[in-house]
Protein backbone atom coordinates (compact mmCIF):
# COMPACT_ATOMS: atom_id res chain seq x y z
CA MET A 1 97.55 88.24 82.05
CA THR A 2 95.90 91.03 80.15
CA PHE A 3 95.55 94.76 80.06
CA ILE A 4 92.90 96.67 77.75
CA VAL A 5 91.98 100.23 78.19
CA ALA A 6 89.31 102.52 76.92
CA ILE A 7 89.64 106.23 77.32
CA PRO A 8 86.66 108.52 76.45
CA CYS A 9 88.23 111.57 74.54
CA ASN A 10 86.90 114.80 73.02
CA GLY A 11 85.61 113.36 69.45
CA GLY A 12 85.73 109.59 70.33
CA VAL A 13 87.41 106.95 72.30
CA VAL A 14 90.96 105.39 72.42
CA LEU A 15 91.23 101.70 73.03
CA ALA A 16 94.58 99.96 73.79
CA SER A 17 96.10 96.66 74.75
CA ASP A 18 99.09 94.73 75.30
CA GLY A 19 99.73 91.90 72.66
CA GLN A 20 101.00 88.88 74.52
CA SER A 21 99.59 85.58 75.52
CA LYS A 22 101.22 82.57 77.21
CA ARG A 23 100.81 78.84 76.85
CA ILE A 24 102.32 75.48 78.26
CA VAL A 25 104.01 73.36 75.86
CA ASP A 26 106.09 70.33 77.39
CA GLY A 27 106.09 71.81 80.80
CA ARG A 28 107.55 75.06 79.34
CA THR A 29 105.82 78.60 79.17
CA ILE A 30 105.63 79.85 75.89
CA LYS A 31 105.08 83.65 75.42
CA GLU A 32 103.31 84.53 71.76
CA LYS A 33 101.88 87.54 70.32
CA ALA A 34 98.33 87.82 70.66
CA LYS A 35 95.52 90.05 69.38
CA LYS A 36 93.21 91.21 71.99
CA ILE A 37 90.99 93.97 70.41
CA PHE A 38 88.70 92.71 67.82
CA GLU A 39 86.22 94.27 65.20
CA LEU A 40 82.73 93.53 65.41
CA GLY A 41 80.87 94.43 62.04
CA ASN A 42 82.02 97.71 60.86
CA ASN A 43 81.33 100.15 63.94
CA VAL A 44 82.13 98.27 66.98
CA LEU A 45 85.39 97.14 68.78
CA TRP A 46 85.66 94.69 71.54
CA GLY A 47 88.19 93.11 73.73
CA CYS A 48 88.43 90.35 76.36
CA ALA A 49 90.32 89.56 79.50
CA GLY A 50 90.59 85.87 80.03
CA ASP A 51 91.54 82.73 78.58
CA GLU A 52 90.61 81.66 74.91
CA ASN A 53 87.44 80.29 76.06
CA GLY A 54 86.23 83.74 77.07
CA ARG A 55 86.89 84.79 73.77
CA SER A 56 85.36 81.85 72.02
CA ARG A 57 82.09 82.57 73.99
CA PHE A 58 81.94 86.11 72.86
CA VAL A 59 82.62 84.89 69.07
CA ASN A 60 79.92 82.29 69.03
CA PHE A 61 77.43 84.95 70.75
CA VAL A 62 78.44 87.40 67.81
CA ASP A 63 78.04 84.73 65.06
CA LYS A 64 74.71 83.51 66.66
CA HIS A 65 73.16 86.85 67.12
CA ILE A 66 74.89 89.74 65.09
CA ASP A 67 75.03 90.13 61.07
CA GLN A 68 78.92 91.19 60.76
CA ASN A 69 78.27 92.82 57.35
CA ASN A 70 75.68 95.36 58.37
CA PRO A 71 76.00 98.30 60.88
CA LEU A 72 74.39 97.59 64.20
CA THR A 73 71.61 99.96 65.49
CA ASP A 74 72.05 101.02 69.24
CA GLN A 75 68.84 99.46 70.24
CA LEU A 76 69.54 96.14 68.81
CA PHE A 77 73.09 95.93 69.95
CA VAL A 78 72.05 97.00 73.54
CA GLU A 79 69.38 94.12 73.42
CA HIS A 80 72.08 91.50 72.39
CA LEU A 81 74.63 92.79 74.85
CA GLU A 82 72.27 92.43 77.69
CA ASN A 83 71.31 89.18 76.71
CA PHE A 84 75.22 88.02 76.84
CA ALA A 85 75.54 89.67 80.18
CA ASN A 86 72.62 87.62 81.65
CA GLU A 87 74.39 84.63 80.29
CA ILE A 88 77.35 85.64 82.08
CA GLU A 89 75.37 86.43 84.99
CA GLY A 90 73.92 82.98 85.21
CA GLU A 91 77.38 81.38 85.15
CA GLN A 92 78.47 83.43 87.89
CA ARG A 93 75.53 82.31 89.77
CA ARG A 94 76.25 78.71 89.16
CA LYS A 95 79.87 79.32 90.20
CA GLU A 96 79.00 80.73 93.52
CA GLN A 97 76.46 78.00 94.15
CA GLY A 98 79.49 75.58 93.70
CA ILE A 99 77.75 73.94 90.52
CA GLU A 100 80.31 74.80 88.33
CA GLY A 101 83.95 75.89 88.79
CA LEU A 102 83.58 78.80 85.87
CA ARG A 103 85.71 81.77 85.68
CA CYS A 104 83.66 84.68 84.04
CA PRO A 105 85.66 86.50 81.55
CA GLU A 106 85.85 90.45 81.33
CA TYR A 107 84.65 92.18 78.35
CA LEU A 108 85.12 95.57 76.79
CA VAL A 109 82.99 96.91 73.94
CA VAL A 110 83.39 100.20 72.32
CA GLY A 111 80.98 101.75 69.56
CA LEU A 112 77.74 103.07 69.00
CA GLU A 113 78.31 106.06 71.03
CA THR A 114 78.61 103.65 74.28
CA ILE A 115 81.39 101.98 76.04
CA TRP A 116 80.29 98.72 77.89
CA CYS A 117 82.61 97.14 80.61
CA MET A 118 81.44 93.70 81.76
CA TYR A 119 83.02 92.38 84.96
CA GLY A 120 81.55 88.78 85.05
CA ALA A 121 77.76 89.44 86.17
CA GLU A 122 78.44 93.29 86.72
CA CYS A 123 77.83 95.22 83.55
CA GLN A 124 78.52 99.01 83.16
CA HIS A 125 77.81 101.51 80.40
CA VAL A 126 78.42 104.96 79.66
CA HIS A 127 77.73 107.34 76.61
CA TYR A 128 80.48 109.53 75.65
CA SER A 129 79.51 110.81 72.35
CA THR A 130 77.75 114.18 73.02
CA LYS A 131 78.06 116.68 75.87
CA LYS A 132 74.33 116.30 76.58
CA ASP A 133 74.83 112.46 77.24
CA TYR A 134 78.39 112.51 78.57
CA GLU A 135 78.29 110.62 81.94
CA VAL A 136 82.16 110.26 82.51
CA ILE A 137 84.28 112.42 84.55
CA LYS A 138 86.62 114.19 82.43
CA GLY A 139 89.83 112.16 81.92
CA ASP A 140 88.01 108.80 83.20
CA LEU A 141 88.97 105.39 82.16
CA PHE A 142 87.49 102.09 81.65
CA ALA A 143 89.89 98.97 81.86
CA ILE A 144 89.66 95.22 82.25
CA GLY A 145 92.51 92.55 82.79
CA ALA A 146 94.59 91.53 85.74
CA GLY A 147 97.44 93.83 84.67
CA GLN A 148 95.78 97.29 85.21
CA ALA A 149 96.73 97.92 89.04
CA VAL A 150 99.83 99.82 88.11
CA PRO A 151 98.36 101.78 85.05
CA ARG A 152 95.26 102.77 87.01
CA ALA A 153 97.54 104.20 89.88
CA PHE A 154 99.73 106.02 87.34
CA PHE A 155 96.46 107.42 85.78
CA ASP A 156 95.04 108.70 88.87
CA GLY A 157 97.85 111.23 89.02
CA LEU A 158 97.14 112.27 85.69
CA LYS A 159 93.52 112.77 86.31
CA LYS A 160 94.21 115.25 88.85
CA LEU A 161 94.72 117.67 86.15
CA ASP A 162 90.88 117.52 85.35
CA TYR A 163 91.59 117.68 81.54
CA GLU A 164 89.68 116.31 78.69
CA TYR A 165 91.91 114.63 76.00
CA THR A 166 91.87 115.06 72.36
CA LEU A 167 92.27 111.66 70.32
CA ALA A 168 95.95 112.17 69.99
CA GLN A 169 96.48 113.01 73.71
CA GLY A 170 94.30 110.13 74.71
CA SER A 171 96.20 107.74 72.20
CA LEU A 172 99.51 108.83 74.02
CA VAL A 173 98.04 108.49 77.26
CA ALA A 174 96.73 105.06 76.42
CA TYR A 175 100.00 103.96 75.00
CA ARG A 176 101.71 105.00 78.28
CA LEU A 177 99.28 103.12 80.49
CA VAL A 178 99.81 99.64 78.48
CA GLY A 179 103.50 100.53 78.82
CA GLU A 180 103.00 100.77 82.55
CA ALA A 181 101.43 97.60 82.64
CA ILE A 182 104.13 95.73 80.48
CA LYS A 183 106.89 97.07 82.96
CA SER A 184 105.07 96.10 86.08
CA SER A 185 104.43 92.65 85.05
CA ASP A 186 106.27 89.92 83.04
CA ASP A 187 102.68 88.39 82.10
CA VAL A 188 102.01 91.47 80.27
CA GLY A 189 104.07 92.29 77.02
CA LYS A 190 104.34 93.98 73.67
CA PRO A 191 103.34 94.58 71.02
CA ILE A 192 100.90 97.52 71.95
CA TYR A 193 97.92 97.98 69.98
CA VAL A 194 96.14 101.25 69.79
CA TRP A 195 92.47 101.82 68.24
CA THR A 196 90.40 104.88 67.87
CA VAL A 197 86.54 105.14 67.47
CA VAL A 198 85.44 108.00 65.58
CA ASN A 199 81.80 108.49 64.70
CA ASN A 200 81.09 104.76 64.96
CA LYS A 201 83.94 104.11 62.93
CA PRO A 202 87.05 101.96 64.41
CA LYS A 203 90.59 102.52 63.00
CA ARG A 204 93.85 100.95 64.18
CA THR A 205 96.68 103.10 64.65
CA LEU A 206 99.62 101.74 62.44
CA GLY A 207 103.02 102.51 60.79
CA VAL A 208 104.32 106.01 61.24
CA ASP A 209 101.65 107.00 63.69
CA LEU A 210 102.20 104.11 65.98
CA GLU A 211 105.81 104.91 66.00
CA LYS A 212 105.29 108.47 66.74
CA LEU A 213 103.32 107.46 69.98
CA GLU A 214 106.44 105.04 70.77
CA THR A 215 108.57 108.28 70.29
CA LEU A 216 106.58 110.56 72.35
CA CYS A 217 106.03 108.06 75.03
CA TYR A 218 109.93 107.47 75.16
CA ALA A 219 110.53 111.15 75.47
CA TRP A 220 107.86 111.32 78.26
CA VAL A 221 109.55 108.50 80.32
CA GLY A 222 112.99 110.38 79.78
CA GLY A 223 111.70 113.49 80.86
CA GLU A 224 110.51 112.16 84.10
CA GLN A 225 113.94 110.61 84.58
CA VAL A 226 115.85 113.68 83.88
CA ILE A 227 113.68 115.50 86.61
CA ALA A 228 114.04 112.67 89.05
CA ASN A 229 118.03 112.55 88.52
CA ALA A 230 117.92 116.39 89.11
CA LEU A 231 116.20 116.33 92.33
CA ILE A 232 118.11 113.57 93.73
CA SER A 233 121.12 115.31 92.62
CA TYR A 234 120.15 118.35 94.17
CA LEU A 235 119.16 116.57 97.64
CA GLY A 236 122.67 115.00 97.38
CA ASP A 237 124.45 118.23 97.45
CA SER A 238 122.26 119.87 100.05
């Protein structure tokens, strides 16, 4: 199970994921560390929810159509991605017709001032770079993976604030959302990966910056627990 989330922020996008995969060996389930967010060229990030076949499909697509050493133009990238979406749509149609037992993977692609979300045959995109092209409701998110039910419900409460996040705030929210997914399912696990995309340049959050997110998230959860304990104690004494 996977959870990958993208949050449009003021100045860029935050992309985060869990870092666990499972495989069966001799009838036993083995949990392993797994990378789920990948760089494409030098200006795009992408993630995939699904089995290894789904990731391999996108890698093969990239190797066939895209030069990893050169920046992608928006027009060329959109054309390539739409072609790939058409391939997935064709698979989905064959599946619905019972011709092949295929499971269409989900993809999340961030870069080139656009977020692309592909749910099987359904392909959505949204511009996030400038206020003129900003098509996302403030505080919205894009997510893929079977582990997203609880994080989405948690985020709906935050969204009521009608607040546009900075990259620092968005990174903390994304870290917390992945943490909620991990707590809600044994099939989603650490480590938590966090990336930012600013001016079409992806950057992974590492070291002290990642430790800071963990510390702040711990304080956030702890603060909620303190309030909950105080309320429960108050009601018990009333």
